[in-house]
Each structure stands twice: as structure tokens, then as C-alpha cells.
Amino acid sequence: MTTPFGPRRAIYLDIAEEMEAKGILPLSEEEARMFETFDLIYRSLCTILFNYVPTSGHPGGSISSGRFVASILYNSMDYDVSNPDREDADILSYAAGHKALGLYALWALRNEVLRIGAPELLPSEERYQLRLEDLLGFRRNPVTKTPLFLK
């Protein structure tokens, strides 16, 4: 495939060609269906957070970035779920907080998937987990009620 653009510093990659060159097979229909279901759950959770958590921001960025952030979180990053304080763990950091709603939702979904499928991988101390019920406190930090913050 060619693009009608002039000279650019970037290069165009056809992901299908890249996957084929590395011997990565396309997803089966069942795998694709599972990822679609996961994304639907994720988008629904973002919607719930947006609708029921005051001042949670707008969900557009979280929803639109969900698929690639999930891929980074679940496929690319090197970290130990059972030991989140490891010094050698990869860190995912956002430059702005606009997509925090989605990142927290993905972390809570990751915890829920592990709770159901591989609970032995979860940290033994609950305080190191981000559970679905913890999202009830999203953006409800008591510090934001202080007089200085309200000015």
C-alpha cells in the first residue's frame, strides 16, 4: 500500500504485514470475540464511572484509548501483578489526568479477571489491589473538600 503523502520522518507500517513477518498468527474468532467482550465491559465501566462519579471528567479519551492501553498493560509491560512495588517494574504514566478514569477501570478489570481466573497471582495484601468496588471512591479524595481546594 502506498500513501499519497509527501516526504515524512515517520514510516507507514501495515500491521498485518508486520505480524506475518514475525510469524504472529491473526486472532481466532473466539479470541477476537473475547477481546470485543472485554472492550465492551471496559467501555461500559467507563460510562458508569462518568455517569455516577461527579467531576470524573469526560470519558471520550478513556474510551478511545482503551484498546491500545489494554494492549500495553496486558501484553507489553513487564511487571509482577503480585508484587506491584518491584523496582524493575515498567511504569505506565500519563502526561495528563484526562484518561485516568480509563486507566483505573483497566486496572480494576485486570484485578477482576485475575480474581476469577488466577487468584493466586493477586497480591496477598488487599491494599495493593485495585478492585471494582474501589472505583466507588474514584475522585472522592477527602483532600478535595478542604477550604484551600474549594477556593
N, C-alpha and C. Protein backbone atom coordinates (compact mmCIF):
# COMPACT_ATOMS: atom_id res chain seq x y z
N MET A 1 0.85 -1.18 0.00
CA MET A 1 0.00 0.00 0.00
C MET A 1 0.89 1.24 0.00
N THR A 2 0.53 2.22 -0.77
CA THR A 2 1.26 3.48 -0.79
C THR A 2 0.37 4.58 -0.27
N THR A 3 0.98 5.60 0.26
CA THR A 3 0.22 6.74 0.76
C THR A 3 0.52 7.95 -0.11
N PRO A 4 -0.46 8.83 -0.29
CA PRO A 4 -0.27 10.00 -1.15
C PRO A 4 0.50 11.14 -0.47
N PHE A 5 1.06 10.91 0.70
CA PHE A 5 1.77 11.97 1.42
C PHE A 5 3.13 12.24 0.79
N GLY A 6 3.63 13.42 1.04
CA GLY A 6 4.99 13.78 0.62
C GLY A 6 5.99 13.19 1.60
N PRO A 7 7.23 13.66 1.53
CA PRO A 7 8.27 13.12 2.42
C PRO A 7 7.92 13.34 3.90
N ARG A 8 8.14 12.31 4.68
CA ARG A 8 7.85 12.35 6.12
C ARG A 8 9.01 11.71 6.87
N ARG A 9 9.13 12.08 8.15
CA ARG A 9 10.13 11.43 9.01
C ARG A 9 9.63 10.07 9.47
N ALA A 10 8.35 9.93 9.60
CA ALA A 10 7.77 8.68 10.08
C ALA A 10 7.68 7.66 8.95
N ILE A 11 7.44 6.43 9.31
CA ILE A 11 7.23 5.39 8.30
C ILE A 11 5.84 4.81 8.49
N TYR A 12 5.28 4.31 7.41
CA TYR A 12 3.97 3.68 7.44
C TYR A 12 4.16 2.19 7.63
N LEU A 13 3.47 1.61 8.60
CA LEU A 13 3.55 0.18 8.84
C LEU A 13 2.18 -0.44 8.62
N ASP A 14 2.16 -1.52 7.87
CA ASP A 14 0.94 -2.31 7.72
C ASP A 14 1.03 -3.40 8.78
N ILE A 15 0.19 -3.33 9.79
CA ILE A 15 0.29 -4.24 10.92
C ILE A 15 0.15 -5.69 10.50
N ALA A 16 -0.68 -5.96 9.49
CA ALA A 16 -0.84 -7.34 9.02
C ALA A 16 0.48 -7.87 8.46
N GLU A 17 1.19 -7.03 7.70
CA GLU A 17 2.49 -7.44 7.15
C GLU A 17 3.51 -7.63 8.27
N GLU A 18 3.50 -6.75 9.25
CA GLU A 18 4.44 -6.86 10.38
C GLU A 18 4.20 -8.15 11.16
N MET A 19 2.95 -8.46 11.40
CA MET A 19 2.62 -9.68 12.14
C MET A 19 3.04 -10.92 11.35
N GLU A 20 2.76 -10.90 10.06
CA GLU A 20 3.12 -12.04 9.21
C GLU A 20 4.64 -12.24 9.20
N ALA A 21 5.40 -11.16 9.10
CA ALA A 21 6.86 -11.25 9.08
C ALA A 21 7.41 -11.83 10.38
N LYS A 22 6.73 -11.60 11.48
CA LYS A 22 7.19 -12.10 12.78
C LYS A 22 6.55 -13.44 13.14
N GLY A 23 5.76 -13.98 12.23
CA GLY A 23 5.14 -15.28 12.48
C GLY A 23 4.00 -15.23 13.49
N ILE A 24 3.43 -14.05 13.68
CA ILE A 24 2.31 -13.92 14.62
C ILE A 24 1.02 -14.18 13.86
N LEU A 25 0.28 -15.14 14.33
CA LEU A 25 -0.97 -15.51 13.66
C LEU A 25 -2.08 -14.54 14.04
N PRO A 26 -3.02 -14.33 13.13
CA PRO A 26 -4.17 -13.48 13.48
C PRO A 26 -5.00 -14.16 14.58
N LEU A 27 -5.80 -13.37 15.26
CA LEU A 27 -6.65 -13.91 16.31
C LEU A 27 -7.67 -14.87 15.73
N SER A 28 -8.00 -15.90 16.49
CA SER A 28 -9.10 -16.77 16.10
C SER A 28 -10.40 -16.00 16.34
N GLU A 29 -11.49 -16.50 15.80
CA GLU A 29 -12.78 -15.83 16.01
C GLU A 29 -13.13 -15.78 17.49
N GLU A 30 -12.82 -16.86 18.21
CA GLU A 30 -13.12 -16.90 19.64
C GLU A 30 -12.28 -15.87 20.40
N GLU A 31 -10.99 -15.75 20.07
CA GLU A 31 -10.14 -14.76 20.72
C GLU A 31 -10.63 -13.34 20.42
N ALA A 32 -10.98 -13.09 19.17
CA ALA A 32 -11.48 -11.77 18.79
C ALA A 32 -12.77 -11.45 19.56
N ARG A 33 -13.64 -12.44 19.69
CA ARG A 33 -14.89 -12.25 20.42
C ARG A 33 -14.62 -11.94 21.90
N MET A 34 -13.64 -12.62 22.49
CA MET A 34 -13.29 -12.36 23.90
C MET A 34 -12.77 -10.94 24.07
N PHE A 35 -11.91 -10.49 23.14
CA PHE A 35 -11.39 -9.13 23.24
C PHE A 35 -12.50 -8.10 23.03
N GLU A 36 -13.43 -8.38 22.13
CA GLU A 36 -14.56 -7.47 21.92
C GLU A 36 -15.43 -7.39 23.18
N THR A 37 -15.65 -8.53 23.82
CA THR A 37 -16.44 -8.56 25.05
C THR A 37 -15.73 -7.78 26.15
N PHE A 38 -14.42 -7.98 26.27
CA PHE A 38 -13.64 -7.24 27.26
C PHE A 38 -13.75 -5.74 27.01
N ASP A 39 -13.63 -5.33 25.75
CA ASP A 39 -13.71 -3.91 25.42
C ASP A 39 -15.10 -3.35 25.73
N LEU A 40 -16.13 -4.13 25.48
CA LEU A 40 -17.49 -3.69 25.81
C LEU A 40 -17.64 -3.49 27.32
N ILE A 41 -17.12 -4.42 28.09
CA ILE A 41 -17.17 -4.29 29.55
C ILE A 41 -16.40 -3.05 29.99
N TYR A 42 -15.22 -2.85 29.40
CA TYR A 42 -14.39 -1.69 29.73
C TYR A 42 -15.13 -0.38 29.42
N ARG A 43 -15.69 -0.28 28.21
CA ARG A 43 -16.41 0.95 27.84
C ARG A 43 -17.62 1.17 28.73
N SER A 44 -18.30 0.09 29.09
CA SER A 44 -19.46 0.21 29.99
C SER A 44 -19.03 0.70 31.37
N LEU A 45 -17.90 0.19 31.85
CA LEU A 45 -17.39 0.64 33.14
C LEU A 45 -17.01 2.12 33.10
N CYS A 46 -16.39 2.55 32.01
CA CYS A 46 -16.07 3.98 31.85
C CYS A 46 -17.34 4.82 31.87
N THR A 47 -18.38 4.34 31.22
CA THR A 47 -19.66 5.06 31.18
C THR A 47 -20.27 5.16 32.57
N ILE A 48 -20.22 4.06 33.30
CA ILE A 48 -20.76 4.07 34.67
C ILE A 48 -19.99 5.07 35.52
N LEU A 49 -18.67 5.03 35.43
CA LEU A 49 -17.86 5.97 36.22
C LEU A 49 -18.18 7.41 35.83
N PHE A 50 -18.32 7.66 34.54
CA PHE A 50 -18.63 9.02 34.07
C PHE A 50 -19.98 9.49 34.60
N ASN A 51 -20.97 8.60 34.56
CA ASN A 51 -22.33 8.99 34.95
C ASN A 51 -22.54 9.09 36.46
N TYR A 52 -21.76 8.34 37.24
CA TYR A 52 -22.03 8.29 38.68
C TYR A 52 -20.92 8.83 39.56
N VAL A 53 -19.85 9.31 38.97
CA VAL A 53 -18.77 9.90 39.76
C VAL A 53 -18.66 11.37 39.39
N PRO A 54 -19.10 12.25 40.28
CA PRO A 54 -19.03 13.69 39.96
C PRO A 54 -17.60 14.13 39.68
N THR A 55 -17.45 15.04 38.78
CA THR A 55 -16.16 15.62 38.37
C THR A 55 -15.16 14.58 37.87
N SER A 56 -15.66 13.50 37.28
CA SER A 56 -14.74 12.46 36.79
C SER A 56 -14.21 12.80 35.40
N GLY A 57 -14.60 13.93 34.86
CA GLY A 57 -14.12 14.29 33.54
C GLY A 57 -14.99 13.68 32.46
N HIS A 58 -14.53 13.79 31.23
CA HIS A 58 -15.28 13.23 30.11
C HIS A 58 -14.66 11.89 29.72
N PRO A 59 -15.48 10.92 29.31
CA PRO A 59 -14.97 9.57 29.06
C PRO A 59 -14.39 9.35 27.67
N GLY A 60 -14.46 10.34 26.79
CA GLY A 60 -14.04 10.13 25.40
C GLY A 60 -12.62 9.63 25.25
N GLY A 61 -11.67 10.27 25.92
CA GLY A 61 -10.27 9.85 25.82
C GLY A 61 -10.05 8.46 26.38
N SER A 62 -10.70 8.17 27.50
CA SER A 62 -10.56 6.84 28.11
C SER A 62 -11.12 5.77 27.20
N ILE A 63 -12.28 6.03 26.62
CA ILE A 63 -12.90 5.03 25.75
C ILE A 63 -12.10 4.85 24.47
N SER A 64 -11.66 5.96 23.87
CA SER A 64 -10.94 5.84 22.60
C SER A 64 -9.55 5.22 22.76
N SER A 65 -8.94 5.36 23.93
CA SER A 65 -7.60 4.80 24.13
C SER A 65 -7.63 3.41 24.76
N GLY A 66 -8.80 2.92 25.09
CA GLY A 66 -8.91 1.67 25.83
C GLY A 66 -8.24 0.47 25.19
N ARG A 67 -8.41 0.30 23.90
CA ARG A 67 -7.84 -0.90 23.25
C ARG A 67 -6.32 -0.89 23.25
N PHE A 68 -5.71 0.24 22.92
CA PHE A 68 -4.25 0.20 22.88
C PHE A 68 -3.64 0.26 24.27
N VAL A 69 -4.30 0.92 25.23
CA VAL A 69 -3.78 0.91 26.60
C VAL A 69 -3.92 -0.49 27.20
N ALA A 70 -5.02 -1.18 26.90
CA ALA A 70 -5.17 -2.56 27.35
C ALA A 70 -4.06 -3.43 26.77
N SER A 71 -3.73 -3.21 25.51
CA SER A 71 -2.65 -3.98 24.89
C SER A 71 -1.31 -3.70 25.58
N ILE A 72 -1.05 -2.44 25.89
CA ILE A 72 0.18 -2.09 26.60
C ILE A 72 0.20 -2.74 27.98
N LEU A 73 -0.91 -2.60 28.70
CA LEU A 73 -0.99 -3.09 30.08
C LEU A 73 -0.90 -4.61 30.14
N TYR A 74 -1.57 -5.30 29.22
CA TYR A 74 -1.65 -6.76 29.29
C TYR A 74 -0.63 -7.50 28.44
N ASN A 75 -0.08 -6.85 27.42
CA ASN A 75 0.82 -7.57 26.50
C ASN A 75 2.24 -7.04 26.46
N SER A 76 2.45 -5.78 26.74
CA SER A 76 3.77 -5.18 26.52
C SER A 76 4.54 -4.88 27.80
N MET A 77 3.85 -4.44 28.82
CA MET A 77 4.55 -4.02 30.04
C MET A 77 5.11 -5.23 30.79
N ASP A 78 6.23 -5.00 31.44
CA ASP A 78 6.88 -6.04 32.24
C ASP A 78 6.72 -5.66 33.71
N TYR A 79 5.83 -6.34 34.41
CA TYR A 79 5.60 -6.08 35.82
C TYR A 79 5.06 -7.35 36.47
N ASP A 80 5.12 -7.39 37.77
CA ASP A 80 4.65 -8.53 38.55
C ASP A 80 3.39 -8.10 39.28
N VAL A 81 2.25 -8.62 38.87
CA VAL A 81 0.97 -8.22 39.47
C VAL A 81 0.98 -8.50 40.97
N SER A 82 1.59 -9.60 41.37
CA SER A 82 1.57 -9.96 42.79
C SER A 82 2.53 -9.13 43.64
N ASN A 83 3.43 -8.39 42.99
CA ASN A 83 4.38 -7.54 43.72
C ASN A 83 4.50 -6.19 43.02
N PRO A 84 3.51 -5.31 43.20
CA PRO A 84 3.49 -4.05 42.45
C PRO A 84 4.60 -3.07 42.82
N ASP A 85 5.31 -3.29 43.91
CA ASP A 85 6.38 -2.38 44.33
C ASP A 85 7.76 -2.77 43.79
N ARG A 86 7.83 -3.75 42.93
CA ARG A 86 9.14 -4.16 42.41
C ARG A 86 9.83 -3.00 41.72
N GLU A 87 11.10 -2.83 42.02
CA GLU A 87 11.89 -1.72 41.47
C GLU A 87 12.05 -1.81 39.95
N ASP A 88 12.06 -3.03 39.41
CA ASP A 88 12.32 -3.20 37.98
C ASP A 88 11.05 -3.23 37.14
N ALA A 89 9.91 -2.93 37.74
CA ALA A 89 8.64 -2.98 37.01
C ALA A 89 8.51 -1.79 36.05
N ASP A 90 7.93 -2.06 34.89
CA ASP A 90 7.61 -0.98 33.96
C ASP A 90 6.54 -0.09 34.58
N ILE A 91 6.54 1.17 34.19
CA ILE A 91 5.58 2.15 34.72
C ILE A 91 4.80 2.74 33.56
N LEU A 92 3.50 2.82 33.72
CA LEU A 92 2.65 3.49 32.74
C LEU A 92 2.27 4.84 33.35
N SER A 93 2.66 5.91 32.69
CA SER A 93 2.44 7.25 33.22
C SER A 93 1.76 8.11 32.17
N TYR A 94 0.69 8.79 32.57
CA TYR A 94 0.00 9.70 31.67
C TYR A 94 0.49 11.13 31.92
N ALA A 95 0.63 11.89 30.86
CA ALA A 95 1.06 13.28 30.99
C ALA A 95 -0.04 14.14 31.60
N ALA A 96 -1.27 13.76 31.39
CA ALA A 96 -2.40 14.50 31.95
C ALA A 96 -3.39 13.49 32.52
N GLY A 97 -4.24 13.95 33.39
CA GLY A 97 -5.16 13.04 34.06
C GLY A 97 -6.46 12.77 33.34
N HIS A 98 -6.59 13.23 32.10
CA HIS A 98 -7.87 13.10 31.40
C HIS A 98 -8.29 11.65 31.17
N LYS A 99 -7.34 10.75 31.09
CA LYS A 99 -7.68 9.35 30.83
C LYS A 99 -7.54 8.49 32.09
N ALA A 100 -7.38 9.12 33.24
CA ALA A 100 -7.22 8.36 34.50
C ALA A 100 -8.41 7.45 34.74
N LEU A 101 -9.60 7.92 34.42
CA LEU A 101 -10.81 7.14 34.58
C LEU A 101 -10.65 5.78 33.88
N GLY A 102 -10.16 5.79 32.65
CA GLY A 102 -9.98 4.56 31.89
C GLY A 102 -8.88 3.68 32.43
N LEU A 103 -7.78 4.30 32.86
CA LEU A 103 -6.67 3.52 33.40
C LEU A 103 -7.09 2.82 34.69
N TYR A 104 -7.80 3.51 35.56
CA TYR A 104 -8.28 2.89 36.79
C TYR A 104 -9.26 1.76 36.46
N ALA A 105 -10.11 1.99 35.47
CA ALA A 105 -11.05 0.94 35.06
C ALA A 105 -10.30 -0.29 34.56
N LEU A 106 -9.26 -0.10 33.75
CA LEU A 106 -8.47 -1.24 33.25
C LEU A 106 -7.78 -1.97 34.39
N TRP A 107 -7.22 -1.24 35.34
CA TRP A 107 -6.57 -1.90 36.48
C TRP A 107 -7.59 -2.71 37.28
N ALA A 108 -8.78 -2.16 37.49
CA ALA A 108 -9.81 -2.89 38.25
C ALA A 108 -10.28 -4.12 37.47
N LEU A 109 -10.41 -4.00 36.15
CA LEU A 109 -10.80 -5.16 35.35
C LEU A 109 -9.71 -6.23 35.37
N ARG A 110 -8.45 -5.79 35.32
CA ARG A 110 -7.34 -6.75 35.42
C ARG A 110 -7.43 -7.51 36.73
N ASN A 111 -7.70 -6.80 37.81
CA ASN A 111 -7.82 -7.43 39.12
C ASN A 111 -8.98 -8.43 39.13
N GLU A 112 -10.10 -8.05 38.52
CA GLU A 112 -11.27 -8.92 38.49
C GLU A 112 -11.01 -10.18 37.66
N VAL A 113 -10.36 -10.03 36.52
CA VAL A 113 -10.02 -11.19 35.68
C VAL A 113 -9.12 -12.14 36.46
N LEU A 114 -8.14 -11.60 37.16
CA LEU A 114 -7.25 -12.45 37.96
C LEU A 114 -8.00 -13.08 39.13
N ARG A 115 -8.89 -12.33 39.76
CA ARG A 115 -9.66 -12.87 40.88
C ARG A 115 -10.44 -14.10 40.46
N ILE A 116 -10.99 -14.06 39.24
CA ILE A 116 -11.78 -15.17 38.73
C ILE A 116 -10.90 -16.29 38.19
N GLY A 117 -9.87 -15.92 37.39
CA GLY A 117 -9.10 -16.93 36.67
C GLY A 117 -7.82 -17.41 37.31
N ALA A 118 -7.17 -16.57 38.10
CA ALA A 118 -5.88 -16.95 38.70
C ALA A 118 -5.66 -16.16 39.99
N PRO A 119 -6.50 -16.39 41.00
CA PRO A 119 -6.41 -15.59 42.23
C PRO A 119 -5.06 -15.68 42.93
N GLU A 120 -4.33 -16.75 42.68
CA GLU A 120 -3.01 -16.89 43.32
C GLU A 120 -2.01 -15.84 42.84
N LEU A 121 -2.30 -15.19 41.72
CA LEU A 121 -1.40 -14.15 41.19
C LEU A 121 -1.62 -12.78 41.84
N LEU A 122 -2.76 -12.61 42.50
CA LEU A 122 -3.06 -11.31 43.13
C LEU A 122 -2.17 -11.09 44.35
N PRO A 123 -1.86 -9.81 44.64
CA PRO A 123 -1.10 -9.53 45.86
C PRO A 123 -1.85 -10.05 47.09
N SER A 124 -1.12 -10.58 48.05
CA SER A 124 -1.77 -11.12 49.24
C SER A 124 -2.42 -10.02 50.07
N GLU A 125 -1.84 -8.83 50.04
CA GLU A 125 -2.44 -7.70 50.77
C GLU A 125 -3.41 -6.96 49.85
N GLU A 126 -4.64 -6.86 50.31
CA GLU A 126 -5.69 -6.23 49.51
C GLU A 126 -5.38 -4.78 49.15
N ARG A 127 -4.61 -4.10 49.97
CA ARG A 127 -4.31 -2.69 49.71
C ARG A 127 -3.47 -2.50 48.45
N TYR A 128 -2.87 -3.56 47.94
CA TYR A 128 -2.09 -3.49 46.70
C TYR A 128 -2.92 -3.86 45.47
N GLN A 129 -4.20 -4.04 45.66
CA GLN A 129 -5.09 -4.36 44.55
C GLN A 129 -5.99 -3.15 44.26
N LEU A 130 -6.44 -3.04 43.03
CA LEU A 130 -7.47 -2.06 42.70
C LEU A 130 -8.68 -2.87 42.24
N ARG A 131 -9.66 -2.98 43.14
CA ARG A 131 -10.83 -3.81 42.89
C ARG A 131 -11.96 -2.97 42.28
N LEU A 132 -12.93 -3.64 41.70
CA LEU A 132 -14.07 -2.91 41.12
C LEU A 132 -14.74 -2.04 42.18
N GLU A 133 -14.89 -2.57 43.38
CA GLU A 133 -15.55 -1.78 44.43
C GLU A 133 -14.72 -0.57 44.85
N ASP A 134 -13.42 -0.61 44.61
CA ASP A 134 -12.58 0.56 44.92
C ASP A 134 -12.91 1.74 44.00
N LEU A 135 -13.47 1.45 42.84
CA LEU A 135 -13.82 2.52 41.90
C LEU A 135 -14.94 3.41 42.44
N LEU A 136 -15.67 2.90 43.44
CA LEU A 136 -16.71 3.72 44.06
C LEU A 136 -16.12 4.97 44.70
N GLY A 137 -14.84 4.92 45.04
CA GLY A 137 -14.17 6.07 45.64
C GLY A 137 -13.39 6.91 44.64
N PHE A 138 -13.52 6.60 43.34
CA PHE A 138 -12.79 7.35 42.32
C PHE A 138 -13.15 8.83 42.39
N ARG A 139 -12.14 9.67 42.46
CA ARG A 139 -12.28 11.13 42.55
C ARG A 139 -13.05 11.58 43.79
N ARG A 140 -12.97 10.81 44.84
CA ARG A 140 -13.62 11.20 46.09
C ARG A 140 -12.59 11.33 47.21
N ASN A 141 -11.45 11.87 46.87
CA ASN A 141 -10.39 12.07 47.84
C ASN A 141 -10.84 13.13 48.84
N PRO A 142 -10.74 12.83 50.15
CA PRO A 142 -11.18 13.83 51.15
C PRO A 142 -10.39 15.13 51.10
N VAL A 143 -9.20 15.11 50.54
CA VAL A 143 -8.39 16.33 50.45
C VAL A 143 -9.09 17.37 49.58
N THR A 144 -9.87 16.94 48.60
CA THR A 144 -10.53 17.89 47.70
C THR A 144 -11.66 18.66 48.38
N LYS A 145 -11.98 18.32 49.59
CA LYS A 145 -13.04 19.03 50.32
C LYS A 145 -12.45 20.12 51.23
N THR A 146 -11.14 20.26 51.23
CA THR A 146 -10.52 21.26 52.11
C THR A 146 -10.80 22.67 51.60
N PRO A 147 -10.83 23.65 52.50
CA PRO A 147 -11.14 25.03 52.09
C PRO A 147 -10.20 25.56 51.00
N LEU A 148 -8.92 25.23 51.09
CA LEU A 148 -7.97 25.73 50.11
C LEU A 148 -8.31 25.21 48.71
N PHE A 149 -8.70 23.95 48.62
CA PHE A 149 -9.04 23.37 47.33
C PHE A 149 -10.31 23.98 46.76
N LEU A 150 -11.24 24.32 47.62
CA LEU A 150 -12.53 24.85 47.18
C LEU A 150 -12.47 26.31 46.74
N LYS A 151 -11.38 27.02 47.04
CA LYS A 151 -11.26 28.43 46.67
C LYS A 151 -11.14 28.59 45.17
